[in-house]
Amino acid sequence: MALHWFNPPVYVRTDRPGIRFGVSHVEGAAEQLLKWTKRGPKWKLAVETCMAAMGGNVPTQEVRRAFEAAAKEEGMFLPPA
C-alpha cells in the first residue's frame, strides 16, 4: 500500500515522556488518531478526512490541517523543534 505523504510533519505527544512523534502521512495520522482517548469534533473530522484521502477524494494537505487541529483540540500537538 502506498502512503499518502504531506509536509511539514505534525508533531504529537506520545505515551513516553520526552518523546515526540512526527506524523507525515495520512496513514500515520489515522493510526495516531485511533490511539487517542479524548475524541472531540475535530477528532471526528480528522478521521473522516483521513478516510476520504485514502480513497483519493481529499488532498493530503487537507488531512494535515485537520490532523493538526484535532491534535491541538486534544492537547496532543507539539510545536516543531
C-alpha atoms as a PDB file:
ATOM      1  CA  MET A   1       0.000   0.000   0.000  1.00  0.00           C
ATOM      2  CA  ALA A   2       1.365   3.406  -0.957  1.00  0.00           C
ATOM      3  CA  LEU A   3       1.477   6.074   1.724  1.00  0.00           C
ATOM      4  CA  HIS A   4      -0.170   9.457   1.200  1.00  0.00           C
ATOM      5  CA  TRP A   5       2.526  11.935   2.288  1.00  0.00           C
ATOM      6  CA  PHE A   6       2.209  15.525   3.491  1.00  0.00           C
ATOM      7  CA  ASN A   7       4.740  18.113   4.552  1.00  0.00           C
ATOM      8  CA  PRO A   8       5.725  19.534   7.002  1.00  0.00           C
ATOM      9  CA  PRO A   9       5.106  16.850   9.638  1.00  0.00           C
ATOM     10  CA  VAL A  10       2.745  17.420  12.550  1.00  0.00           C
ATOM     11  CA  TYR A  11       4.412  16.601  15.876  1.00  0.00           C
ATOM     12  CA  VAL A  12       2.360  14.984  18.633  1.00  0.00           C
ATOM     13  CA  ARG A  13       2.907  13.704  22.153  1.00  0.00           C
ATOM     14  CA  THR A  14       3.493  10.018  22.788  1.00  0.00           C
ATOM     15  CA  ASP A  15       2.873   7.910  25.871  1.00  0.00           C
ATOM     16  CA  ARG A  16       6.627   8.090  26.601  1.00  0.00           C
ATOM     17  CA  PRO A  17       7.721  11.284  28.422  1.00  0.00           C
ATOM     18  CA  GLY A  18      10.044  13.471  26.382  1.00  0.00           C
ATOM     19  CA  ILE A  19       9.385  11.563  23.148  1.00  0.00           C
ATOM     20  CA  ARG A  20       7.571  13.236  20.266  1.00  0.00           C
ATOM     21  CA  PHE A  21       6.277  11.661  17.087  1.00  0.00           C
ATOM     22  CA  GLY A  22       6.312  13.370  13.704  1.00  0.00           C
ATOM     23  CA  VAL A  23       3.361  12.421  11.532  1.00  0.00           C
ATOM     24  CA  SER A  24       3.979  12.992   7.831  1.00  0.00           C
ATOM     25  CA  HIS A  25       1.405  10.846   6.050  1.00  0.00           C
ATOM     26  CA  VAL A  26      -2.317  10.144   6.119  1.00  0.00           C
ATOM     27  CA  GLU A  27      -1.945   6.585   7.343  1.00  0.00           C
ATOM     28  CA  GLY A  28       0.220   7.707  10.287  1.00  0.00           C
ATOM     29  CA  ALA A  29      -2.320  10.382  11.164  1.00  0.00           C
ATOM     30  CA  ALA A  30      -5.122   7.798  11.173  1.00  0.00           C
ATOM     31  CA  GLU A  31      -3.058   5.466  13.357  1.00  0.00           C
ATOM     32  CA  GLN A  32      -2.349   8.221  15.885  1.00  0.00           C
ATOM     33  CA  LEU A  33      -5.982   9.367  15.951  1.00  0.00           C
ATOM     34  CA  LEU A  34      -7.122   5.868  16.876  1.00  0.00           C
ATOM     35  CA  LYS A  35      -4.756   5.845  19.889  1.00  0.00           C
ATOM     36  CA  TRP A  36      -6.240   8.968  21.451  1.00  0.00           C
ATOM     37  CA  THR A  37      -8.799   8.539  24.224  1.00  0.00           C
ATOM     38  CA  LYS A  38     -10.341  12.012  24.000  1.00  0.00           C
ATOM     39  CA  ARG A  39     -12.341  12.324  20.801  1.00  0.00           C
ATOM     40  CA  GLY A  40     -13.888  15.716  20.129  1.00  0.00           C
ATOM     41  CA  PRO A  41     -15.493  17.136  16.993  1.00  0.00           C
ATOM     42  CA  LYS A  42     -12.146  17.971  15.355  1.00  0.00           C
ATOM     43  CA  TRP A  43     -11.005  14.399  16.002  1.00  0.00           C
ATOM     44  CA  LYS A  44     -14.083  13.109  14.181  1.00  0.00           C
ATOM     45  CA  LEU A  45     -13.473  15.452  11.233  1.00  0.00           C
ATOM     46  CA  ALA A  46      -9.812  14.385  11.066  1.00  0.00           C
ATOM     47  CA  VAL A  47     -10.779  10.690  10.958  1.00  0.00           C
ATOM     48  CA  GLU A  48     -13.315  11.348   8.200  1.00  0.00           C
ATOM     49  CA  THR A  49     -10.745  13.387   6.253  1.00  0.00           C
ATOM     50  CA  CYS A  50      -8.165  10.594   6.563  1.00  0.00           C
ATOM     51  CA  MET A  51     -10.641   8.068   5.194  1.00  0.00           C
ATOM     52  CA  ALA A  52     -11.547  10.353   2.293  1.00  0.00           C
ATOM     53  CA  ALA A  53      -7.871  10.917   1.459  1.00  0.00           C
ATOM     54  CA  MET A  54      -7.161   7.184   1.459  1.00  0.00           C
ATOM     55  CA  GLY A  55      -9.940   6.889  -1.090  1.00  0.00           C
ATOM     56  CA  GLY A  56      -8.343   9.612  -3.210  1.00  0.00           C
ATOM     57  CA  ASN A  57     -11.130  12.113  -2.575  1.00  0.00           C
ATOM     58  CA  VAL A  58      -9.275  14.692  -0.454  1.00  0.00           C
ATOM     59  CA  PRO A  59      -5.797  16.255  -0.857  1.00  0.00           C
ATOM     60  CA  THR A  60      -3.225  15.197   1.725  1.00  0.00           C
ATOM     61  CA  GLN A  61      -2.655  18.791   2.878  1.00  0.00           C
ATOM     62  CA  GLU A  62      -6.295  18.911   3.964  1.00  0.00           C
ATOM     63  CA  VAL A  63      -5.627  15.869   6.161  1.00  0.00           C
ATOM     64  CA  ARG A  64      -2.599  17.632   7.623  1.00  0.00           C
ATOM     65  CA  ARG A  65      -4.697  20.673   8.563  1.00  0.00           C
ATOM     66  CA  ALA A  66      -7.481  18.533  10.076  1.00  0.00           C
ATOM     67  CA  PHE A  67      -4.998  16.358  11.981  1.00  0.00           C
ATOM     68  CA  GLU A  68      -3.175  19.380  13.412  1.00  0.00           C
ATOM     69  CA  ALA A  69      -6.493  20.921  14.508  1.00  0.00           C
ATOM     70  CA  ALA A  70      -7.510  17.650  16.182  1.00  0.00           C
ATOM     71  CA  ALA A  71      -4.115  17.359  17.895  1.00  0.00           C
ATOM     72  CA  LYS A  72      -4.495  20.887  19.283  1.00  0.00           C
ATOM     73  CA  GLU A  73      -8.061  20.198  20.434  1.00  0.00           C
ATOM     74  CA  GLU A  74      -6.967  17.023  22.258  1.00  0.00           C
ATOM     75  CA  GLY A  75      -3.820  18.562  23.788  1.00  0.00           C
ATOM     76  CA  MET A  76      -1.561  16.244  21.762  1.00  0.00           C
ATOM     77  CA  PHE A  77       0.052  18.888  19.494  1.00  0.00           C
ATOM     78  CA  LEU A  78       3.698  19.839  19.928  1.00  0.00           C
ATOM     79  CA  PRO A  79       5.343  22.675  18.002  1.00  0.00           C
ATOM     80  CA  PRO A  80       8.228  21.759  15.665  1.00  0.00           C
ATOM     81  CA  ALA A  81      11.554  21.506  17.482  1.00  0.00           C
END
